[in-house]
Amino acid sequence: MLLSWLRNHWPKTTISARELYRHGPIRERKIALELADALVAQGWLAPLKTFRHDRLEWRIVGKSDGKAA
């Protein structure tokens, strides 16, 4: 369900942990982060380096930004 929402409804190519559990289909923080970890393990999300050590952000693998090259 989370992967489908990320690929079909989320407009950006990246998502932060806060955006995930505030705007996503699963509102409980712990569960949303566990599902994100599962998607990382399966290769659908790629962790990004952030400016804060306590901020989590991922790139959605295979999702283009809609801009032509």
PDB file of N, CA and C in Angstrom:
ATOM      1  N   MET A   1       0.829  -1.184   0.000  1.00  0.00           N
ATOM      2  CA  MET A   1       0.000   0.000   0.000  1.00  0.00           C
ATOM      3  C   MET A   1       0.880   1.258   0.000  1.00  0.00           C
ATOM      4  N   LEU A   2       1.926   1.259   0.805  1.00  0.00           N
ATOM      5  CA  LEU A   2       2.806   2.431   0.877  1.00  0.00           C
ATOM      6  C   LEU A   2       3.539   2.649  -0.438  1.00  0.00           C
ATOM      7  N   LEU A   3       4.045   1.591  -1.021  1.00  0.00           N
ATOM      8  CA  LEU A   3       4.751   1.716  -2.307  1.00  0.00           C
ATOM      9  C   LEU A   3       3.824   2.247  -3.386  1.00  0.00           C
ATOM     10  N   SER A   4       2.617   1.746  -3.451  1.00  0.00           N
ATOM     11  CA  SER A   4       1.640   2.222  -4.430  1.00  0.00           C
ATOM     12  C   SER A   4       1.369   3.714  -4.236  1.00  0.00           C
ATOM     13  N   TRP A   5       1.201   4.138  -2.999  1.00  0.00           N
ATOM     14  CA  TRP A   5       0.947   5.549  -2.719  1.00  0.00           C
ATOM     15  C   TRP A   5       2.148   6.404  -3.134  1.00  0.00           C
ATOM     16  N   LEU A   6       3.357   5.947  -2.818  1.00  0.00           N
ATOM     17  CA  LEU A   6       4.554   6.707  -3.178  1.00  0.00           C
ATOM     18  C   LEU A   6       4.683   6.865  -4.693  1.00  0.00           C
ATOM     19  N   ARG A   7       4.425   5.798  -5.419  1.00  0.00           N
ATOM     20  CA  ARG A   7       4.618   5.829  -6.873  1.00  0.00           C
ATOM     21  C   ARG A   7       3.487   6.547  -7.607  1.00  0.00           C
ATOM     22  N   ASN A   8       2.271   6.490  -7.077  1.00  0.00           N
ATOM     23  CA  ASN A   8       1.127   7.022  -7.813  1.00  0.00           C
ATOM     24  C   ASN A   8       0.566   8.342  -7.283  1.00  0.00           C
ATOM     25  N   HIS A   9       0.797   8.654  -6.025  1.00  0.00           N
ATOM     26  CA  HIS A   9       0.167   9.840  -5.451  1.00  0.00           C
ATOM     27  C   HIS A   9       1.141  10.887  -4.937  1.00  0.00           C
ATOM     28  N   TRP A  10       2.346  10.485  -4.535  1.00  0.00           N
ATOM     29  CA  TRP A  10       3.314  11.449  -4.015  1.00  0.00           C
ATOM     30  C   TRP A  10       3.959  12.176  -5.191  1.00  0.00           C
ATOM     31  N   PRO A  11       3.901  13.521  -5.221  1.00  0.00           N
ATOM     32  CA  PRO A  11       4.355  14.265  -6.399  1.00  0.00           C
ATOM     33  C   PRO A  11       5.874  14.406  -6.545  1.00  0.00           C
ATOM     34  N   LYS A  12       6.626  14.219  -5.479  1.00  0.00           N
ATOM     35  CA  LYS A  12       8.077  14.424  -5.522  1.00  0.00           C
ATOM     36  C   LYS A  12       8.826  13.116  -5.751  1.00  0.00           C
ATOM     37  N   THR A  13      10.132  13.237  -6.032  1.00  0.00           N
ATOM     38  CA  THR A  13      10.973  12.052  -6.196  1.00  0.00           C
ATOM     39  C   THR A  13      11.675  11.671  -4.905  1.00  0.00           C
ATOM     40  N   THR A  14      11.543  12.503  -3.872  1.00  0.00           N
ATOM     41  CA  THR A  14      12.096  12.199  -2.556  1.00  0.00           C
ATOM     42  C   THR A  14      10.996  12.385  -1.511  1.00  0.00           C
ATOM     43  N   ILE A  15      11.219  11.761  -0.353  1.00  0.00           N
ATOM     44  CA  ILE A  15      10.281  11.926   0.744  1.00  0.00           C
ATOM     45  C   ILE A  15      11.038  11.833   2.061  1.00  0.00           C
ATOM     46  N   SER A  16      10.688  12.687   2.998  1.00  0.00           N
ATOM     47  CA  SER A  16      11.296  12.644   4.326  1.00  0.00           C
ATOM     48  C   SER A  16      10.404  11.809   5.240  1.00  0.00           C
ATOM     49  N   ALA A  17      10.961  11.429   6.377  1.00  0.00           N
ATOM     50  CA  ALA A  17      10.187  10.642   7.337  1.00  0.00           C
ATOM     51  C   ALA A  17       8.958  11.421   7.794  1.00  0.00           C
ATOM     52  N   ARG A  18       9.128  12.702   8.054  1.00  0.00           N
ATOM     53  CA  ARG A  18       8.003  13.514   8.516  1.00  0.00           C
ATOM     54  C   ARG A  18       6.898  13.586   7.449  1.00  0.00           C
ATOM     55  N   GLU A  19       7.290  13.785   6.196  1.00  0.00           N
ATOM     56  CA  GLU A  19       6.293  13.821   5.119  1.00  0.00           C
ATOM     57  C   GLU A  19       5.594  12.475   4.994  1.00  0.00           C
ATOM     58  N   LEU A  20       6.347  11.406   5.192  1.00  0.00           N
ATOM     59  CA  LEU A  20       5.807  10.055   5.051  1.00  0.00           C
ATOM     60  C   LEU A  20       4.674   9.794   6.039  1.00  0.00           C
ATOM     61  N   TYR A  21       4.894  10.081   7.304  1.00  0.00           N
ATOM     62  CA  TYR A  21       3.837   9.762   8.262  1.00  0.00           C
ATOM     63  C   TYR A  21       2.828  10.879   8.462  1.00  0.00           C
ATOM     64  N   ARG A  22       3.075  12.063   7.928  1.00  0.00           N
ATOM     65  CA  ARG A  22       2.071  13.129   8.014  1.00  0.00           C
ATOM     66  C   ARG A  22       1.141  13.139   6.801  1.00  0.00           C
ATOM     67  N   HIS A  23       1.648  12.774   5.627  1.00  0.00           N
ATOM     68  CA  HIS A  23       0.856  12.839   4.406  1.00  0.00           C
ATOM     69  C   HIS A  23       0.538  11.469   3.818  1.00  0.00           C
ATOM     70  N   GLY A  24       1.245  10.450   4.253  1.00  0.00           N
ATOM     71  CA  GLY A  24       1.088   9.120   3.677  1.00  0.00           C
ATOM     72  C   GLY A  24      -0.143   8.389   4.173  1.00  0.00           C
ATOM     73  N   PRO A  25      -0.363   7.193   3.659  1.00  0.00           N
ATOM     74  CA  PRO A  25      -1.544   6.420   4.025  1.00  0.00           C
ATOM     75  C   PRO A  25      -1.468   5.831   5.436  1.00  0.00           C
ATOM     76  N   ILE A  26      -0.277   5.759   6.014  1.00  0.00           N
ATOM     77  CA  ILE A  26      -0.097   5.219   7.355  1.00  0.00           C
ATOM     78  C   ILE A  26       0.365   6.360   8.250  1.00  0.00           C
ATOM     79  N   ARG A  27      -0.449   6.728   9.215  1.00  0.00           N
ATOM     80  CA  ARG A  27      -0.170   7.902  10.032  1.00  0.00           C
ATOM     81  C   ARG A  27       0.631   7.599  11.290  1.00  0.00           C
ATOM     82  N   GLU A  28       0.752   6.346  11.658  1.00  0.00           N
ATOM     83  CA  GLU A  28       1.513   6.012  12.856  1.00  0.00           C
ATOM     84  C   GLU A  28       2.999   5.990  12.510  1.00  0.00           C
ATOM     85  N   ARG A  29       3.765   6.822  13.205  1.00  0.00           N
ATOM     86  CA  ARG A  29       5.182   7.048  12.895  1.00  0.00           C
ATOM     87  C   ARG A  29       5.986   5.752  12.873  1.00  0.00           C
ATOM     88  N   LYS A  30       5.875   4.948  13.923  1.00  0.00           N
ATOM     89  CA  LYS A  30       6.673   3.732  14.042  1.00  0.00           C
ATOM     90  C   LYS A  30       6.406   2.769  12.884  1.00  0.00           C
ATOM     91  N   ILE A  31       5.162   2.567  12.558  1.00  0.00           N
ATOM     92  CA  ILE A  31       4.803   1.647  11.475  1.00  0.00           C
ATOM     93  C   ILE A  31       5.275   2.188  10.129  1.00  0.00           C
ATOM     94  N   ALA A  32       5.086   3.489   9.901  1.00  0.00           N
ATOM     95  CA  ALA A  32       5.520   4.097   8.640  1.00  0.00           C
ATOM     96  C   ALA A  32       7.028   3.942   8.449  1.00  0.00           C
ATOM     97  N   LEU A  33       7.805   4.145   9.516  1.00  0.00           N
ATOM     98  CA  LEU A  33       9.257   4.012   9.410  1.00  0.00           C
ATOM     99  C   LEU A  33       9.684   2.561   9.208  1.00  0.00           C
ATOM    100  N   GLU A  34       8.973   1.627   9.831  1.00  0.00           N
ATOM    101  CA  GLU A  34       9.263   0.206   9.617  1.00  0.00           C
ATOM    102  C   GLU A  34       8.991  -0.188   8.164  1.00  0.00           C
ATOM    103  N   LEU A  35       7.891   0.306   7.611  1.00  0.00           N
ATOM    104  CA  LEU A  35       7.581   0.017   6.206  1.00  0.00           C
ATOM    105  C   LEU A  35       8.606   0.662   5.275  1.00  0.00           C
ATOM    106  N   ALA A  36       9.051   1.858   5.605  1.00  0.00           N
ATOM    107  CA  ALA A  36      10.083   2.512   4.800  1.00  0.00           C
ATOM    108  C   ALA A  36      11.370   1.691   4.830  1.00  0.00           C
ATOM    109  N   ASP A  37      11.743   1.163   5.996  1.00  0.00           N
ATOM    110  CA  ASP A  37      12.924   0.305   6.096  1.00  0.00           C
ATOM    111  C   ASP A  37      12.774  -0.938   5.227  1.00  0.00           C
ATOM    112  N   ALA A  38      11.569  -1.501   5.194  1.00  0.00           N
ATOM    113  CA  ALA A  38      11.322  -2.676   4.349  1.00  0.00           C
ATOM    114  C   ALA A  38      11.474  -2.318   2.870  1.00  0.00           C
ATOM    115  N   LEU A  39      10.995  -1.130   2.482  1.00  0.00           N
ATOM    116  CA  LEU A  39      11.139  -0.699   1.089  1.00  0.00           C
ATOM    117  C   LEU A  39      12.599  -0.413   0.743  1.00  0.00           C
ATOM    118  N   VAL A  40      13.382   0.048   1.697  1.00  0.00           N
ATOM    119  CA  VAL A  40      14.824   0.227   1.481  1.00  0.00           C
ATOM    120  C   VAL A  40      15.457  -1.133   1.227  1.00  0.00           C
ATOM    121  N   ALA A  41      15.118  -2.117   2.039  1.00  0.00           N
ATOM    122  CA  ALA A  41      15.670  -3.468   1.901  1.00  0.00           C
ATOM    123  C   ALA A  41      15.312  -4.090   0.557  1.00  0.00           C
ATOM    124  N   GLN A  42      14.140  -3.763   0.031  1.00  0.00           N
ATOM    125  CA  GLN A  42      13.693  -4.306  -1.252  1.00  0.00           C
ATOM    126  C   GLN A  42      14.179  -3.481  -2.434  1.00  0.00           C
ATOM    127  N   GLY A  43      14.797  -2.332  -2.161  1.00  0.00           N
ATOM    128  CA  GLY A  43      15.359  -1.521  -3.233  1.00  0.00           C
ATOM    129  C   GLY A  43      14.441  -0.459  -3.805  1.00  0.00           C
ATOM    130  N   TRP A  44      13.289  -0.217  -3.208  1.00  0.00           N
ATOM    131  CA  TRP A  44      12.342   0.785  -3.717  1.00  0.00           C
ATOM    132  C   TRP A  44      12.635   2.187  -3.196  1.00  0.00           C
ATOM    133  N   LEU A  45      13.303   2.273  -2.048  1.00  0.00           N
ATOM    134  CA  LEU A  45      13.714   3.558  -1.489  1.00  0.00           C
ATOM    135  C   LEU A  45      15.225   3.532  -1.288  1.00  0.00           C
ATOM    136  N   ALA A  46      15.875   4.666  -1.567  1.00  0.00           N
ATOM    137  CA  ALA A  46      17.316   4.792  -1.355  1.00  0.00           C
ATOM    138  C   ALA A  46      17.555   5.903  -0.341  1.00  0.00           C
ATOM    139  N   PRO A  47      18.233   5.600   0.768  1.00  0.00           N
ATOM    140  CA  PRO A  47      18.480   6.628   1.780  1.00  0.00           C
ATOM    141  C   PRO A  47      19.339   7.764   1.217  1.00  0.00           C
ATOM    142  N   LEU A  48      19.037   8.980   1.640  1.00  0.00           N
ATOM    143  CA  LEU A  48      19.801  10.150   1.234  1.00  0.00           C
ATOM    144  C   LEU A  48      20.536  10.720   2.438  1.00  0.00           C
ATOM    145  N   LYS A  49      21.687  11.310   2.170  1.00  0.00           N
ATOM    146  CA  LYS A  49      22.420  12.000   3.230  1.00  0.00           C
ATOM    147  C   LYS A  49      21.737  13.341   3.462  1.00  0.00           C
ATOM    148  N   THR A  50      21.490  13.674   4.718  1.00  0.00           N
ATOM    149  CA  THR A  50      20.781  14.903   5.049  1.00  0.00           C
ATOM    150  C   THR A  50      21.690  15.829   5.851  1.00  0.00           C
ATOM    151  N   PHE A  51      21.268  17.060   5.988  1.00  0.00           N
ATOM    152  CA  PHE A  51      22.053  18.052   6.711  1.00  0.00           C
ATOM    153  C   PHE A  51      21.967  17.886   8.221  1.00  0.00           C
ATOM    154  N   ARG A  52      21.027  17.096   8.693  1.00  0.00           N
ATOM    155  CA  ARG A  52      20.887  16.814  10.131  1.00  0.00           C
ATOM    156  C   ARG A  52      21.052  15.318  10.364  1.00  0.00           C
ATOM    157  N   HIS A  53      21.700  14.966  11.445  1.00  0.00           N
ATOM    158  CA  HIS A  53      21.928  13.541  11.735  1.00  0.00           C
ATOM    159  C   HIS A  53      20.649  12.813  12.119  1.00  0.00           C
ATOM    160  N   ASP A  54      19.630  13.529  12.573  1.00  0.00           N
ATOM    161  CA  ASP A  54      18.399  12.889  13.008  1.00  0.00           C
ATOM    162  C   ASP A  54      17.269  12.987  11.988  1.00  0.00           C
ATOM    163  N   ARG A  55      17.565  13.429  10.791  1.00  0.00           N
ATOM    164  CA  ARG A  55      16.553  13.544   9.731  1.00  0.00           C
ATOM    165  C   ARG A  55      16.695  12.360   8.774  1.00  0.00           C
ATOM    166  N   LEU A  56      15.585  11.744   8.436  1.00  0.00           N
ATOM    167  CA  LEU A  56      15.575  10.633   7.488  1.00  0.00           C
ATOM    168  C   LEU A  56      14.910  11.102   6.202  1.00  0.00           C
ATOM    169  N   GLU A  57      15.544  10.775   5.080  1.00  0.00           N
ATOM    170  CA  GLU A  57      14.981  11.125   3.779  1.00  0.00           C
ATOM    171  C   GLU A  57      15.404  10.061   2.775  1.00  0.00           C
ATOM    172  N   TRP A  58      14.511   9.783   1.832  1.00  0.00           N
ATOM    173  CA  TRP A  58      14.769   8.749   0.839  1.00  0.00           C
ATOM    174  C   TRP A  58      14.444   9.255  -0.561  1.00  0.00           C
ATOM    175  N   ARG A  59      15.128   8.678  -1.548  1.00  0.00           N
ATOM    176  CA  ARG A  59      14.799   8.881  -2.952  1.00  0.00           C
ATOM    177  C   ARG A  59      13.947   7.696  -3.367  1.00  0.00           C
ATOM    178  N   ILE A  60      12.871   7.967  -4.088  1.00  0.00           N
ATOM    179  CA  ILE A  60      11.985   6.902  -4.557  1.00  0.00           C
ATOM    180  C   ILE A  60      12.591   6.359  -5.857  1.00  0.00           C
ATOM    181  N   VAL A  61      13.076   5.140  -5.819  1.00  0.00           N
ATOM    182  CA  VAL A  61      13.778   4.529  -6.940  1.00  0.00           C
ATOM    183  C   VAL A  61      12.814   4.285  -8.088  1.00  0.00           C
ATOM    184  N   GLY A  62      13.213   4.683  -9.279  1.00  0.00           N
ATOM    185  CA  GLY A  62      12.407   4.442 -10.472  1.00  0.00           C
ATOM    186  C   GLY A  62      11.361   5.502 -10.739  1.00  0.00           C
ATOM    187  N   LYS A  63      11.264   6.517  -9.898  1.00  0.00           N
ATOM    188  CA  LYS A  63      10.283   7.563 -10.113  1.00  0.00           C
ATOM    189  C   LYS A  63      11.001   8.766 -10.722  1.00  0.00           C
ATOM    190  N   SER A  64      10.544   9.187 -11.884  1.00  0.00           N
ATOM    191  CA  SER A  64      11.170  10.343 -12.520  1.00  0.00           C
ATOM    192  C   SER A  64      10.466  11.620 -12.066  1.00  0.00           C
ATOM    193  N   ASP A  65      11.164  12.738 -12.205  1.00  0.00           N
ATOM    194  CA  ASP A  65      10.588  14.016 -11.774  1.00  0.00           C
ATOM    195  C   ASP A  65       9.702  14.630 -12.833  1.00  0.00           C
ATOM    196  N   GLY A  66       9.535  13.962 -13.961  1.00  0.00           N
ATOM    197  CA  GLY A  66       8.641  14.461 -15.006  1.00  0.00           C
ATOM    198  C   GLY A  66       9.310  15.424 -15.975  1.00  0.00           C
ATOM    199  N   LYS A  67      10.569  15.747 -15.742  1.00  0.00           N
ATOM    200  CA  LYS A  67      11.283  16.665 -16.628  1.00  0.00           C
ATOM    201  C   LYS A  67      11.993  15.869 -17.720  1.00  0.00           C
ATOM    202  N   ALA A  68      11.890  16.359 -18.944  1.00  0.00           N
ATOM    203  CA  ALA A  68      12.559  15.690 -20.059  1.00  0.00           C
ATOM    204  C   ALA A  68      14.040  16.038 -20.042  1.00  0.00           C
ATOM    205  N   ALA A  69      14.860  15.092 -20.452  1.00  0.00           N
ATOM    206  CA  ALA A  69      16.315  15.313 -20.439  1.00  0.00           C
ATOM    207  C   ALA A  69      16.782  16.122 -21.622  1.00  0.00           C
TER     208      ALA A  69
END
